[in-house]
Amino acid sequence: MTQHYDVNFFVKEYGRVPAIRNDFISRIWYANRRYGIKFPTRAHEVYNFDGSECAVVADSAKSIQKRLKDSMVFSVPDNQLLSLSEHCTIEDFGVGESLIQRGVETQMVYLILDGIAKEYIENKNGE
């Protein structure tokens, strides 16, 4: 079954439409990449996908182990690093995307392999 979605968005400043459209499409692209969904690259290519068959793109534990070792964050024996790597995923995020949502507790640990992450903390006055 082919899924088709239409998205409408409304903005107050018409001059910002190109930037907002670009940000929106970028976020869709990164989210699809994380879940292994590929867009057609040529006009004559058509991909049909069943959401139940959608799997997160997974790197091998050995490749993750190498990246963790290269990061020099962990100083543990290779066998322990490989064991840790078996429970890791590598995900790409676009500019402005949130890794963690405010108020959501997680047991996850994030290691930034490439790029920059910013942390925003709000005090009780909303500042």
PDB file of N, CA and C in Angstrom:
ATOM      1  N   MET A   1       0.842  -1.168   0.000  1.00  0.00           N
ATOM      2  CA  MET A   1       0.000   0.000   0.000  1.00  0.00           C
ATOM      3  C   MET A   1       0.895   1.241   0.000  1.00  0.00           C
ATOM      4  N   THR A   2       0.694   2.124  -0.926  1.00  0.00           N
ATOM      5  CA  THR A   2       1.457   3.361  -1.016  1.00  0.00           C
ATOM      6  C   THR A   2       0.805   4.425  -0.155  1.00  0.00           C
ATOM      7  N   GLN A   3       1.612   5.094   0.623  1.00  0.00           N
ATOM      8  CA  GLN A   3       1.125   6.182   1.472  1.00  0.00           C
ATOM      9  C   GLN A   3       1.423   7.512   0.795  1.00  0.00           C
ATOM     10  N   HIS A   4       0.501   8.430   0.862  1.00  0.00           N
ATOM     11  CA  HIS A   4       0.692   9.766   0.317  1.00  0.00           C
ATOM     12  C   HIS A   4       0.253  10.759   1.385  1.00  0.00           C
ATOM     13  N   TYR A   5       1.084  11.732   1.630  1.00  0.00           N
ATOM     14  CA  TYR A   5       0.769  12.721   2.647  1.00  0.00           C
ATOM     15  C   TYR A   5       0.838  14.116   2.046  1.00  0.00           C
ATOM     16  N   ASP A   6      -0.080  14.968   2.421  1.00  0.00           N
ATOM     17  CA  ASP A   6      -0.045  16.383   2.074  1.00  0.00           C
ATOM     18  C   ASP A   6       0.201  17.154   3.363  1.00  0.00           C
ATOM     19  N   VAL A   7       1.055  18.148   3.274  1.00  0.00           N
ATOM     20  CA  VAL A   7       1.354  18.960   4.443  1.00  0.00           C
ATOM     21  C   VAL A   7       1.065  20.414   4.107  1.00  0.00           C
ATOM     22  N   ASN A   8       0.324  21.065   4.964  1.00  0.00           N
ATOM     23  CA  ASN A   8       0.066  22.497   4.841  1.00  0.00           C
ATOM     24  C   ASN A   8       0.629  23.183   6.071  1.00  0.00           C
ATOM     25  N   PHE A   9       1.264  24.312   5.869  1.00  0.00           N
ATOM     26  CA  PHE A   9       1.708  25.086   7.011  1.00  0.00           C
ATOM     27  C   PHE A   9       1.402  26.553   6.756  1.00  0.00           C
ATOM     28  N   PHE A  10       1.205  27.278   7.818  1.00  0.00           N
ATOM     29  CA  PHE A  10       0.810  28.675   7.716  1.00  0.00           C
ATOM     30  C   PHE A  10       1.843  29.520   8.446  1.00  0.00           C
ATOM     31  N   VAL A  11       2.221  30.630   7.837  1.00  0.00           N
ATOM     32  CA  VAL A  11       3.216  31.517   8.440  1.00  0.00           C
ATOM     33  C   VAL A  11       2.683  32.954   8.438  1.00  0.00           C
ATOM     34  N   LYS A  12       3.129  33.716   9.412  1.00  0.00           N
ATOM     35  CA  LYS A  12       2.692  35.108   9.513  1.00  0.00           C
ATOM     36  C   LYS A  12       3.474  36.011   8.558  1.00  0.00           C
ATOM     37  N   GLU A  13       4.746  35.667   8.314  1.00  0.00           N
ATOM     38  CA  GLU A  13       5.595  36.495   7.462  1.00  0.00           C
ATOM     39  C   GLU A  13       5.867  35.764   6.152  1.00  0.00           C
ATOM     40  N   TYR A  14       5.214  36.195   5.090  1.00  0.00           N
ATOM     41  CA  TYR A  14       5.337  35.522   3.801  1.00  0.00           C
ATOM     42  C   TYR A  14       6.792  35.474   3.311  1.00  0.00           C
ATOM     43  N   GLY A  15       7.574  36.474   3.631  1.00  0.00           N
ATOM     44  CA  GLY A  15       8.974  36.504   3.210  1.00  0.00           C
ATOM     45  C   GLY A  15       9.813  35.381   3.797  1.00  0.00           C
ATOM     46  N   ARG A  16       9.331  34.741   4.853  1.00  0.00           N
ATOM     47  CA  ARG A  16      10.084  33.644   5.495  1.00  0.00           C
ATOM     48  C   ARG A  16       9.719  32.273   4.932  1.00  0.00           C
ATOM     49  N   VAL A  17       8.760  32.223   4.007  1.00  0.00           N
ATOM     50  CA  VAL A  17       8.312  30.933   3.476  1.00  0.00           C
ATOM     51  C   VAL A  17       9.467  30.087   2.934  1.00  0.00           C
ATOM     52  N   PRO A  18      10.378  30.629   2.091  1.00  0.00           N
ATOM     53  CA  PRO A  18      11.464  29.781   1.580  1.00  0.00           C
ATOM     54  C   PRO A  18      12.327  29.170   2.692  1.00  0.00           C
ATOM     55  N   ALA A  19      12.662  29.952   3.705  1.00  0.00           N
ATOM     56  CA  ALA A  19      13.487  29.443   4.810  1.00  0.00           C
ATOM     57  C   ALA A  19      12.737  28.389   5.614  1.00  0.00           C
ATOM     58  N   ILE A  20      11.453  28.643   5.876  1.00  0.00           N
ATOM     59  CA  ILE A  20      10.647  27.685   6.645  1.00  0.00           C
ATOM     60  C   ILE A  20      10.470  26.397   5.851  1.00  0.00           C
ATOM     61  N   ARG A  21      10.187  26.501   4.551  1.00  0.00           N
ATOM     62  CA  ARG A  21      10.046  25.321   3.705  1.00  0.00           C
ATOM     63  C   ARG A  21      11.349  24.509   3.707  1.00  0.00           C
ATOM     64  N   ASN A  22      12.489  25.200   3.595  1.00  0.00           N
ATOM     65  CA  ASN A  22      13.775  24.525   3.598  1.00  0.00           C
ATOM     66  C   ASN A  22      14.014  23.795   4.924  1.00  0.00           C
ATOM     67  N   ASP A  23      13.730  24.463   6.041  1.00  0.00           N
ATOM     68  CA  ASP A  23      13.891  23.827   7.355  1.00  0.00           C
ATOM     69  C   ASP A  23      12.984  22.605   7.486  1.00  0.00           C
ATOM     70  N   PHE A  24      11.747  22.733   7.039  1.00  0.00           N
ATOM     71  CA  PHE A  24      10.786  21.629   7.133  1.00  0.00           C
ATOM     72  C   PHE A  24      11.256  20.428   6.303  1.00  0.00           C
ATOM     73  N   ILE A  25      11.643  20.669   5.065  1.00  0.00           N
ATOM     74  CA  ILE A  25      12.095  19.575   4.194  1.00  0.00           C
ATOM     75  C   ILE A  25      13.366  18.944   4.742  1.00  0.00           C
ATOM     76  N   SER A  26      14.263  19.751   5.298  1.00  0.00           N
ATOM     77  CA  SER A  26      15.491  19.204   5.896  1.00  0.00           C
ATOM     78  C   SER A  26      15.168  18.268   7.051  1.00  0.00           C
ATOM     79  N   ARG A  27      14.222  18.672   7.898  1.00  0.00           N
ATOM     80  CA  ARG A  27      13.852  17.816   9.033  1.00  0.00           C
ATOM     81  C   ARG A  27      13.220  16.509   8.560  1.00  0.00           C
ATOM     82  N   ILE A  28      12.384  16.590   7.526  1.00  0.00           N
ATOM     83  CA  ILE A  28      11.792  15.374   6.961  1.00  0.00           C
ATOM     84  C   ILE A  28      12.890  14.469   6.422  1.00  0.00           C
ATOM     85  N   TRP A  29      13.847  15.048   5.709  1.00  0.00           N
ATOM     86  CA  TRP A  29      14.942  14.262   5.130  1.00  0.00           C
ATOM     87  C   TRP A  29      15.730  13.539   6.216  1.00  0.00           C
ATOM     88  N   TYR A  30      16.106  14.249   7.290  1.00  0.00           N
ATOM     89  CA  TYR A  30      16.884  13.626   8.360  1.00  0.00           C
ATOM     90  C   TYR A  30      16.080  12.549   9.088  1.00  0.00           C
ATOM     91  N   ALA A  31      14.818  12.818   9.356  1.00  0.00           N
ATOM     92  CA  ALA A  31      13.987  11.811  10.031  1.00  0.00           C
ATOM     93  C   ALA A  31      13.850  10.570   9.165  1.00  0.00           C
ATOM     94  N   ASN A  32      13.615  10.739   7.875  1.00  0.00           N
ATOM     95  CA  ASN A  32      13.511   9.585   6.982  1.00  0.00           C
ATOM     96  C   ASN A  32      14.820   8.818   6.924  1.00  0.00           C
ATOM     97  N   ARG A  33      15.926   9.518   6.902  1.00  0.00           N
ATOM     98  CA  ARG A  33      17.234   8.846   6.874  1.00  0.00           C
ATOM     99  C   ARG A  33      17.427   7.990   8.128  1.00  0.00           C
ATOM    100  N   ARG A  34      17.030   8.544   9.300  1.00  0.00           N
ATOM    101  CA  ARG A  34      17.176   7.773  10.547  1.00  0.00           C
ATOM    102  C   ARG A  34      16.371   6.478  10.499  1.00  0.00           C
ATOM    103  N   TYR A  35      15.215   6.485   9.819  1.00  0.00           N
ATOM    104  CA  TYR A  35      14.347   5.315   9.775  1.00  0.00           C
ATOM    105  C   TYR A  35      14.478   4.508   8.495  1.00  0.00           C
ATOM    106  N   GLY A  36      15.489   4.825   7.679  1.00  0.00           N
ATOM    107  CA  GLY A  36      15.767   4.025   6.498  1.00  0.00           C
ATOM    108  C   GLY A  36      14.778   4.219   5.354  1.00  0.00           C
ATOM    109  N   ILE A  37      14.065   5.327   5.339  1.00  0.00           N
ATOM    110  CA  ILE A  37      13.119   5.606   4.263  1.00  0.00           C
ATOM    111  C   ILE A  37      13.857   6.396   3.190  1.00  0.00           C
ATOM    112  N   LYS A  38      13.812   5.904   1.958  1.00  0.00           N
ATOM    113  CA  LYS A  38      14.518   6.570   0.869  1.00  0.00           C
ATOM    114  C   LYS A  38      13.523   7.251  -0.047  1.00  0.00           C
ATOM    115  N   PHE A  39      13.904   8.448  -0.468  1.00  0.00           N
ATOM    116  CA  PHE A  39      13.101   9.176  -1.443  1.00  0.00           C
ATOM    117  C   PHE A  39      13.555   8.772  -2.834  1.00  0.00           C
ATOM    118  N   PRO A  40      12.660   8.779  -3.801  1.00  0.00           N
ATOM    119  CA  PRO A  40      13.090   8.542  -5.180  1.00  0.00           C
ATOM    120  C   PRO A  40      14.067   9.639  -5.597  1.00  0.00           C
ATOM    121  N   THR A  41      15.103   9.264  -6.349  1.00  0.00           N
ATOM    122  CA  THR A  41      16.099  10.249  -6.754  1.00  0.00           C
ATOM    123  C   THR A  41      15.909  10.707  -8.184  1.00  0.00           C
ATOM    124  N   ARG A  42      15.185   9.967  -8.983  1.00  0.00           N
ATOM    125  CA  ARG A  42      14.905  10.367 -10.354  1.00  0.00           C
ATOM    126  C   ARG A  42      13.403  10.310 -10.571  1.00  0.00           C
ATOM    127  N   ALA A  43      12.930  11.076 -11.510  1.00  0.00           N
ATOM    128  CA  ALA A  43      11.490  11.163 -11.753  1.00  0.00           C
ATOM    129  C   ALA A  43      10.865   9.810 -12.077  1.00  0.00           C
ATOM    130  N   HIS A  44      11.626   8.897 -12.686  1.00  0.00           N
ATOM    131  CA  HIS A  44      11.040   7.614 -13.068  1.00  0.00           C
ATOM    132  C   HIS A  44      11.174   6.543 -11.992  1.00  0.00           C
ATOM    133  N   GLU A  45      11.795   6.866 -10.861  1.00  0.00           N
ATOM    134  CA  GLU A  45      11.923   5.901  -9.784  1.00  0.00           C
ATOM    135  C   GLU A  45      10.745   6.036  -8.827  1.00  0.00           C
ATOM    136  N   VAL A  46      10.166   4.923  -8.470  1.00  0.00           N
ATOM    137  CA  VAL A  46       9.074   4.919  -7.515  1.00  0.00           C
ATOM    138  C   VAL A  46       9.404   3.894  -6.445  1.00  0.00           C
ATOM    139  N   TYR A  47       9.336   4.311  -5.189  1.00  0.00           N
ATOM    140  CA  TYR A  47       9.561   3.398  -4.085  1.00  0.00           C
ATOM    141  C   TYR A  47       8.238   3.189  -3.367  1.00  0.00           C
ATOM    142  N   ASN A  48       7.858   1.958  -3.189  1.00  0.00           N
ATOM    143  CA  ASN A  48       6.698   1.647  -2.365  1.00  0.00           C
ATOM    144  C   ASN A  48       7.226   1.099  -1.056  1.00  0.00           C
ATOM    145  N   PHE A  49       6.654   1.554   0.005  1.00  0.00           N
ATOM    146  CA  PHE A  49       7.142   1.116   1.294  1.00  0.00           C
ATOM    147  C   PHE A  49       5.984   0.872   2.232  1.00  0.00           C
ATOM    148  N   ASP A  50       6.128  -0.202   2.967  1.00  0.00           N
ATOM    149  CA  ASP A  50       5.136  -0.584   3.960  1.00  0.00           C
ATOM    150  C   ASP A  50       5.730  -0.201   5.306  1.00  0.00           C
ATOM    151  N   GLY A  51       5.055   0.669   6.045  1.00  0.00           N
ATOM    152  CA  GLY A  51       5.589   1.167   7.308  1.00  0.00           C
ATOM    153  C   GLY A  51       6.034   0.072   8.255  1.00  0.00           C
ATOM    154  N   SER A  52       5.383  -1.094   8.205  1.00  0.00           N
ATOM    155  CA  SER A  52       5.779  -2.179   9.103  1.00  0.00           C
ATOM    156  C   SER A  52       7.140  -2.746   8.728  1.00  0.00           C
ATOM    157  N   GLU A  53       7.559  -2.510   7.490  1.00  0.00           N
ATOM    158  CA  GLU A  53       8.860  -3.010   7.049  1.00  0.00           C
ATOM    159  C   GLU A  53       9.961  -1.988   7.265  1.00  0.00           C
ATOM    160  N   CYS A  54       9.613  -0.831   7.790  1.00  0.00           N
ATOM    161  CA  CYS A  54      10.579   0.232   7.988  1.00  0.00           C
ATOM    162  C   CYS A  54      11.478  -0.111   9.170  1.00  0.00           C
ATOM    163  N   ALA A  55      12.766  -0.145   8.930  1.00  0.00           N
ATOM    164  CA  ALA A  55      13.711  -0.459   9.998  1.00  0.00           C
ATOM    165  C   ALA A  55      14.737   0.658  10.101  1.00  0.00           C
ATOM    166  N   VAL A  56      15.170   0.931  11.309  1.00  0.00           N
ATOM    167  CA  VAL A  56      16.195   1.934  11.516  1.00  0.00           C
ATOM    168  C   VAL A  56      17.468   1.469  10.819  1.00  0.00           C
ATOM    169  N   VAL A  57      18.101   2.416  10.112  1.00  0.00           N
ATOM    170  CA  VAL A  57      19.351   2.089   9.446  1.00  0.00           C
ATOM    171  C   VAL A  57      20.374   1.766  10.526  1.00  0.00           C
ATOM    172  N   ALA A  58      20.955   0.585  10.452  1.00  0.00           N
ATOM    173  CA  ALA A  58      21.863   0.152  11.501  1.00  0.00           C
ATOM    174  C   ALA A  58      23.285  -0.012  10.972  1.00  0.00           C
ATOM    175  N   ASP A  59      24.236   0.551  11.699  1.00  0.00           N
ATOM    176  CA  ASP A  59      25.635   0.303  11.419  1.00  0.00           C
ATOM    177  C   ASP A  59      26.019  -0.957  12.178  1.00  0.00           C
ATOM    178  N   SER A  60      27.059  -1.622  11.709  1.00  0.00           N
ATOM    179  CA  SER A  60      27.492  -2.830  12.396  1.00  0.00           C
ATOM    180  C   SER A  60      28.122  -2.464  13.735  1.00  0.00           C
ATOM    181  N   ALA A  61      28.064  -3.401  14.669  1.00  0.00           N
ATOM    182  CA  ALA A  61      28.649  -3.168  15.995  1.00  0.00           C
ATOM    183  C   ALA A  61      30.142  -2.881  15.878  1.00  0.00           C
ATOM    184  N   LYS A  62      30.816  -3.540  14.929  1.00  0.00           N
ATOM    185  CA  LYS A  62      32.258  -3.315  14.734  1.00  0.00           C
ATOM    186  C   LYS A  62      32.524  -1.892  14.270  1.00  0.00           C
ATOM    187  N   SER A  63      31.693  -1.392  13.353  1.00  0.00           N
ATOM    188  CA  SER A  63      31.891  -0.025  12.859  1.00  0.00           C
ATOM    189  C   SER A  63      31.612   0.986  13.963  1.00  0.00           C
ATOM    190  N   ILE A  64      30.599   0.725  14.791  1.00  0.00           N
ATOM    191  CA  ILE A  64      30.306   1.621  15.917  1.00  0.00           C
ATOM    192  C   ILE A  64      31.429   1.546  16.940  1.00  0.00           C
ATOM    193  N   GLN A  65      31.936   0.350  17.187  1.00  0.00           N
ATOM    194  CA  GLN A  65      33.050   0.188  18.121  1.00  0.00           C
ATOM    195  C   GLN A  65      34.244   1.039  17.679  1.00  0.00           C
ATOM    196  N   LYS A  66      34.553   1.016  16.391  1.00  0.00           N
ATOM    197  CA  LYS A  66      35.675   1.807  15.874  1.00  0.00           C
ATOM    198  C   LYS A  66      35.431   3.297  16.078  1.00  0.00           C
ATOM    199  N   ARG A  67      34.213   3.751  15.810  1.00  0.00           N
ATOM    200  CA  ARG A  67      33.907   5.175  15.973  1.00  0.00           C
ATOM    201  C   ARG A  67      33.971   5.588  17.446  1.00  0.00           C
ATOM    202  N   LEU A  68      33.514   4.717  18.340  1.00  0.00           N
ATOM    203  CA  LEU A  68      33.603   5.023  19.769  1.00  0.00           C
ATOM    204  C   LEU A  68      35.058   5.073  20.222  1.00  0.00           C
ATOM    205  N   LYS A  69      35.848   4.128  19.718  1.00  0.00           N
ATOM    206  CA  LYS A  69      37.270   4.087  20.075  1.00  0.00           C
ATOM    207  C   LYS A  69      37.986   5.330  19.545  1.00  0.00           C
ATOM    208  N   ASP A  70      37.675   5.716  18.307  1.00  0.00           N
ATOM    209  CA  ASP A  70      38.288   6.904  17.707  1.00  0.00           C
ATOM    210  C   ASP A  70      37.903   8.184  18.444  1.00  0.00           C
ATOM    211  N   SER A  71      36.715   8.181  19.090  1.00  0.00           N
ATOM    212  CA  SER A  71      36.262   9.379  19.803  1.00  0.00           C
ATOM    213  C   SER A  71      37.087   9.634  21.055  1.00  0.00           C
ATOM    214  N   MET A  72      37.760   8.620  21.545  1.00  0.00           N
ATOM    215  CA  MET A  72      38.598   8.687  22.747  1.00  0.00           C
ATOM    216  C   MET A  72      37.825   9.131  23.986  1.00  0.00           C
ATOM    217  N   VAL A  73      36.518   8.870  24.020  1.00  0.00           N
ATOM    218  CA  VAL A  73      35.707   9.195  25.185  1.00  0.00           C
ATOM    219  C   VAL A  73      35.748   8.040  26.180  1.00  0.00           C
ATOM    220  N   PHE A  74      35.789   6.819  25.657  1.00  0.00           N
ATOM    221  CA  PHE A  74      35.755   5.629  26.500  1.00  0.00           C
ATOM    222  C   PHE A  74      37.142   5.002  26.580  1.00  0.00           C
ATOM    223  N   SER A  75      37.601   4.721  27.792  1.00  0.00           N
ATOM    224  CA  SER A  75      38.883   4.030  27.940  1.00  0.00           C
ATOM    225  C   SER A  75      38.610   2.676  28.594  1.00  0.00           C
ATOM    226  N   VAL A  76      38.041   1.793  27.800  1.00  0.00           N
ATOM    227  CA  VAL A  76      37.725   0.444  28.260  1.00  0.00           C
ATOM    228  C   VAL A  76      38.305  -0.551  27.259  1.00  0.00           C
ATOM    229  N   PRO A  77      38.499  -1.795  27.678  1.00  0.00           N
ATOM    230  CA  PRO A  77      39.025  -2.804  26.754  1.00  0.00           C
ATOM    231  C   PRO A  77      38.112  -2.974  25.525  1.00  0.00           C
ATOM    232  N   ASP A  78      38.702  -3.408  24.417  1.00  0.00           N
ATOM    233  CA  ASP A  78      37.970  -3.557  23.159  1.00  0.00           C
ATOM    234  C   ASP A  78      36.737  -4.444  23.283  1.00  0.00           C
ATOM    235  N   ASN A  79      36.825  -5.523  24.060  1.00  0.00           N
ATOM    236  CA  ASN A  79      35.674  -6.422  24.169  1.00  0.00           C
ATOM    237  C   ASN A  79      34.492  -5.737  24.868  1.00  0.00           C
ATOM    238  N   GLN A  80      34.768  -4.878  25.861  1.00  0.00           N
ATOM    239  CA  GLN A  80      33.691  -4.140  26.525  1.00  0.00           C
ATOM    240  C   GLN A  80      33.120  -3.058  25.612  1.00  0.00           C
ATOM    241  N   LEU A  81      33.995  -2.449  24.818  1.00  0.00           N
ATOM    242  CA  LEU A  81      33.538  -1.437  23.865  1.00  0.00           C
ATOM    243  C   LEU A  81      32.663  -2.071  22.787  1.00  0.00           C
ATOM    244  N   LEU A  82      33.025  -3.282  22.365  1.00  0.00           N
ATOM    245  CA  LEU A  82      32.206  -3.998  21.384  1.00  0.00           C
ATOM    246  C   LEU A  82      30.846  -4.349  21.990  1.00  0.00           C
ATOM    247  N   SER A  83      30.834  -4.763  23.244  1.00  0.00           N
ATOM    248  CA  SER A  83      29.575  -5.079  23.919  1.00  0.00           C
ATOM    249  C   SER A  83      28.684  -3.833  23.999  1.00  0.00           C
ATOM    250  N   LEU A  84      29.271  -2.700  24.332  1.00  0.00           N
ATOM    251  CA  LEU A  84      28.533  -1.446  24.362  1.00  0.00           C
ATOM    252  C   LEU A  84      28.016  -1.103  22.963  1.00  0.00           C
ATOM    253  N   SER A  85      28.843  -1.311  21.955  1.00  0.00           N
ATOM    254  CA  SER A  85      28.502  -0.981  20.568  1.00  0.00           C
ATOM    255  C   SER A  85      27.292  -1.754  20.064  1.00  0.00           C
ATOM    256  N   GLU A  86      27.075  -2.936  20.596  1.00  0.00           N
ATOM    257  CA  GLU A  86      25.936  -3.761  20.170  1.00  0.00           C
ATOM    258  C   GLU A  86      24.597  -3.149  20.576  1.00  0.00           C
ATOM    259  N   HIS A  87      24.635  -2.174  21.487  1.00  0.00           N
ATOM    260  CA  HIS A  87      23.409  -1.519  21.955  1.00  0.00           C
ATOM    261  C   HIS A  87      23.328  -0.063  21.483  1.00  0.00           C
ATOM    262  N   CYS A  88      24.157   0.306  20.510  1.00  0.00           N
ATOM    263  CA  CYS A  88      24.218   1.685  20.027  1.00  0.00           C
ATOM    264  C   CYS A  88      23.654   1.804  18.613  1.00  0.00           C
ATOM    265  N   THR A  89      23.199   2.997  18.298  1.00  0.00           N
ATOM    266  CA  THR A  89      22.828   3.343  16.930  1.00  0.00           C
ATOM    267  C   THR A  89      23.474   4.675  16.594  1.00  0.00           C
ATOM    268  N   ILE A  90      23.713   4.873  15.317  1.00  0.00           N
ATOM    269  CA  ILE A  90      24.217   6.155  14.838  1.00  0.00           C
ATOM    270  C   ILE A  90      23.077   6.825  14.094  1.00  0.00           C
ATOM    271  N   GLU A  91      22.762   8.046  14.493  1.00  0.00           N
ATOM    272  CA  GLU A  91      21.652   8.771  13.888  1.00  0.00           C
ATOM    273  C   GLU A  91      22.121  10.146  13.440  1.00  0.00           C
ATOM    274  N   ASP A  92      21.559  10.618  12.344  1.00  0.00           N
ATOM    275  CA  ASP A  92      21.861  11.950  11.838  1.00  0.00           C
ATOM    276  C   ASP A  92      20.731  12.893  12.212  1.00  0.00           C
ATOM    277  N   PHE A  93      21.093  14.103  12.618  1.00  0.00           N
ATOM    278  CA  PHE A  93      20.117  15.121  12.945  1.00  0.00           C
ATOM    279  C   PHE A  93      20.446  16.378  12.159  1.00  0.00           C
ATOM    280  N   GLY A  94      19.433  17.103  11.774  1.00  0.00           N
ATOM    281  CA  GLY A  94      19.607  18.345  11.040  1.00  0.00           C
ATOM    282  C   GLY A  94      19.687  19.533  11.985  1.00  0.00           C
ATOM    283  N   VAL A  95      20.070  20.662  11.433  1.00  0.00           N
ATOM    284  CA  VAL A  95      20.155  21.902  12.202  1.00  0.00           C
ATOM    285  C   VAL A  95      18.786  22.217  12.803  1.00  0.00           C
ATOM    286  N   GLY A  96      18.770  22.496  14.091  1.00  0.00           N
ATOM    287  CA  GLY A  96      17.532  22.886  14.761  1.00  0.00           C
ATOM    288  C   GLY A  96      16.707  21.732  15.299  1.00  0.00           C
ATOM    289  N   GLU A  97      17.067  20.493  14.969  1.00  0.00           N
ATOM    290  CA  GLU A  97      16.304  19.353  15.491  1.00  0.00           C
ATOM    291  C   GLU A  97      16.674  19.110  16.944  1.00  0.00           C
ATOM    292  N   SER A  98      15.723  18.626  17.716  1.00  0.00           N
ATOM    293  CA  SER A  98      15.960  18.312  19.126  1.00  0.00           C
ATOM    294  C   SER A  98      16.311  16.848  19.295  1.00  0.00           C
ATOM    295  N   LEU A  99      17.346  16.586  20.080  1.00  0.00           N
ATOM    296  CA  LEU A  99      17.704  15.218  20.422  1.00  0.00           C
ATOM    297  C   LEU A  99      16.836  14.732  21.572  1.00  0.00           C
ATOM    298  N   ILE A 100      16.627  15.618  22.531  1.00  0.00           N
ATOM    299  CA  ILE A 100      15.864  15.279  23.730  1.00  0.00           C
ATOM    300  C   ILE A 100      14.820  16.369  23.936  1.00  0.00           C
ATOM    301  N   GLN A 101      13.598  15.972  24.224  1.00  0.00           N
ATOM    302  CA  GLN A 101      12.516  16.935  24.453  1.00  0.00           C
ATOM    303  C   GLN A 101      12.458  17.309  25.929  1.00  0.00           C
ATOM    304  N   ARG A 102      12.162  18.556  26.197  1.00  0.00           N
ATOM    305  CA  ARG A 102      12.051  19.033  27.569  1.00  0.00           C
ATOM    306  C   ARG A 102      10.997  18.235  28.320  1.00  0.00           C
ATOM    307  N   GLY A 103      11.324  17.817  29.526  1.00  0.00           N
ATOM    308  CA  GLY A 103      10.385  17.106  30.378  1.00  0.00           C
ATOM    309  C   GLY A 103      10.347  15.608  30.157  1.00  0.00           C
ATOM    310  N   VAL A 104      11.084  15.102  29.167  1.00  0.00           N
ATOM    311  CA  VAL A 104      11.095  13.670  28.887  1.00  0.00           C
ATOM    312  C   VAL A 104      12.348  13.052  29.508  1.00  0.00           C
ATOM    313  N   GLU A 105      12.137  12.094  30.386  1.00  0.00           N
ATOM    314  CA  GLU A 105      13.275  11.405  30.993  1.00  0.00           C
ATOM    315  C   GLU A 105      13.745  10.303  30.063  1.00  0.00           C
ATOM    316  N   THR A 106      15.052  10.113  30.004  1.00  0.00           N
ATOM    317  CA  THR A 106      15.612   9.080  29.134  1.00  0.00           C
ATOM    318  C   THR A 106      16.819   8.418  29.792  1.00  0.00           C
ATOM    319  N   GLN A 107      17.073   7.210  29.403  1.00  0.00           N
ATOM    320  CA  GLN A 107      18.264   6.490  29.851  1.00  0.00           C
ATOM    321  C   GLN A 107      19.350   6.551  28.781  1.00  0.00           C
ATOM    322  N   MET A 108      19.079   7.300  27.713  1.00  0.00           N
ATOM    323  CA  MET A 108      19.996   7.376  26.582  1.00  0.00           C
ATOM    324  C   MET A 108      21.196   8.246  26.907  1.00  0.00           C
ATOM    325  N   VAL A 109      22.309   7.922  26.272  1.00  0.00           N
ATOM    326  CA  VAL A 109      23.514   8.740  26.313  1.00  0.00           C
ATOM    327  C   VAL A 109      23.817   9.095  24.867  1.00  0.00           C
ATOM    328  N   TYR A 110      24.004  10.369  24.585  1.00  0.00           N
ATOM    329  CA  TYR A 110      24.300  10.817  23.230  1.00  0.00           C
ATOM    330  C   TYR A 110      25.753  11.238  23.144  1.00  0.00           C
ATOM    331  N   LEU A 111      26.417  10.798  22.105  1.00  0.00           N
ATOM    332  CA  LEU A 111      27.790  11.181  21.821  1.00  0.00           C
ATOM    333  C   LEU A 111      27.773  11.858  20.454  1.00  0.00           C
ATOM    334  N   ILE A 112      28.147  13.110  20.405  1.00  0.00           N
ATOM    335  CA  ILE A 112      28.153  13.858  19.150  1.00  0.00           C
ATOM    336  C   ILE A 112      29.437  13.499  18.411  1.00  0.00           C
ATOM    337  N   LEU A 113      29.294  12.795  17.285  1.00  0.00           N
ATOM    338  CA  LEU A 113      30.459  12.374  16.510  1.00  0.00           C
ATOM    339  C   LEU A 113      30.922  13.444  15.534  1.00  0.00           C
ATOM    340  N   ASP A 114      29.981  14.263  15.072  1.00  0.00           N
ATOM    341  CA  ASP A 114      30.322  15.300  14.110  1.00  0.00           C
ATOM    342  C   ASP A 114      29.288  16.414  14.234  1.00  0.00           C
ATOM    343  N   GLY A 115      29.733  17.636  14.293  1.00  0.00           N
ATOM    344  CA  GLY A 115      28.805  18.755  14.380  1.00  0.00           C
ATOM    345  C   GLY A 115      28.795  19.375  15.763  1.00  0.00           C
ATOM    346  N   ILE A 116      27.771  20.148  16.003  1.00  0.00           N
ATOM    347  CA  ILE A 116      27.660  20.902  17.256  1.00  0.00           C
ATOM    348  C   ILE A 116      26.255  20.708  17.827  1.00  0.00           C
ATOM    349  N   ALA A 117      26.177  20.592  19.134  1.00  0.00           N
ATOM    350  CA  ALA A 117      24.879  20.532  19.808  1.00  0.00           C
ATOM    351  C   ALA A 117      24.820  21.693  20.794  1.00  0.00           C
ATOM    352  N   LYS A 118      23.642  22.275  20.934  1.00  0.00           N
ATOM    353  CA  LYS A 118      23.437  23.355  21.890  1.00  0.00           C
ATOM    354  C   LYS A 118      22.418  22.904  22.917  1.00  0.00           C
ATOM    355  N   GLU A 119      22.638  23.330  24.146  1.00  0.00           N
ATOM    356  CA  GLU A 119      21.702  23.003  25.219  1.00  0.00           C
ATOM    357  C   GLU A 119      21.009  24.290  25.657  1.00  0.00           C
ATOM    358  N   TYR A 120      19.700  24.218  25.738  1.00  0.00           N
ATOM    359  CA  TYR A 120      18.912  25.357  26.190  1.00  0.00           C
ATOM    360  C   TYR A 120      18.200  24.956  27.467  1.00  0.00           C
ATOM    361  N   ILE A 121      18.405  25.742  28.484  1.00  0.00           N
ATOM    362  CA  ILE A 121      17.771  25.469  29.781  1.00  0.00           C
ATOM    363  C   ILE A 121      16.928  26.678  30.149  1.00  0.00           C
ATOM    364  N   GLU A 122      15.725  26.423  30.607  1.00  0.00           N
ATOM    365  CA  GLU A 122      14.795  27.479  30.971  1.00  0.00           C
ATOM    366  C   GLU A 122      14.662  27.515  32.487  1.00  0.00           C
ATOM    367  N   ASN A 123      14.744  28.714  33.063  1.00  0.00           N
ATOM    368  CA  ASN A 123      14.549  28.807  34.515  1.00  0.00           C
ATOM    369  C   ASN A 123      13.055  28.886  34.824  1.00  0.00           C
ATOM    370  N   LYS A 124      12.717  29.011  36.120  1.00  0.00           N
ATOM    371  CA  LYS A 124      11.310  29.017  36.520  1.00  0.00           C
ATOM    372  C   LYS A 124      10.554  30.232  36.022  1.00  0.00           C
ATOM    373  N   ASN A 125      11.262  31.282  35.590  1.00  0.00           N
ATOM    374  CA  ASN A 125      10.627  32.476  35.038  1.00  0.00           C
ATOM    375  C   ASN A 125      10.477  32.392  33.508  1.00  0.00           C
ATOM    376  N   GLY A 126      10.846  31.259  32.932  1.00  0.00           N
ATOM    377  CA  GLY A 126      10.738  31.087  31.488  1.00  0.00           C
ATOM    378  C   GLY A 126      11.843  31.752  30.709  1.00  0.00           C
ATOM    379  N   GLU A 127      12.909  32.146  31.383  1.00  0.00           N
ATOM    380  CA  GLU A 127      14.038  32.795  30.706  1.00  0.00           C
ATOM    381  C   GLU A 127      15.082  31.770  30.308  1.00  0.00           C
TER     382      GLU A 127
END
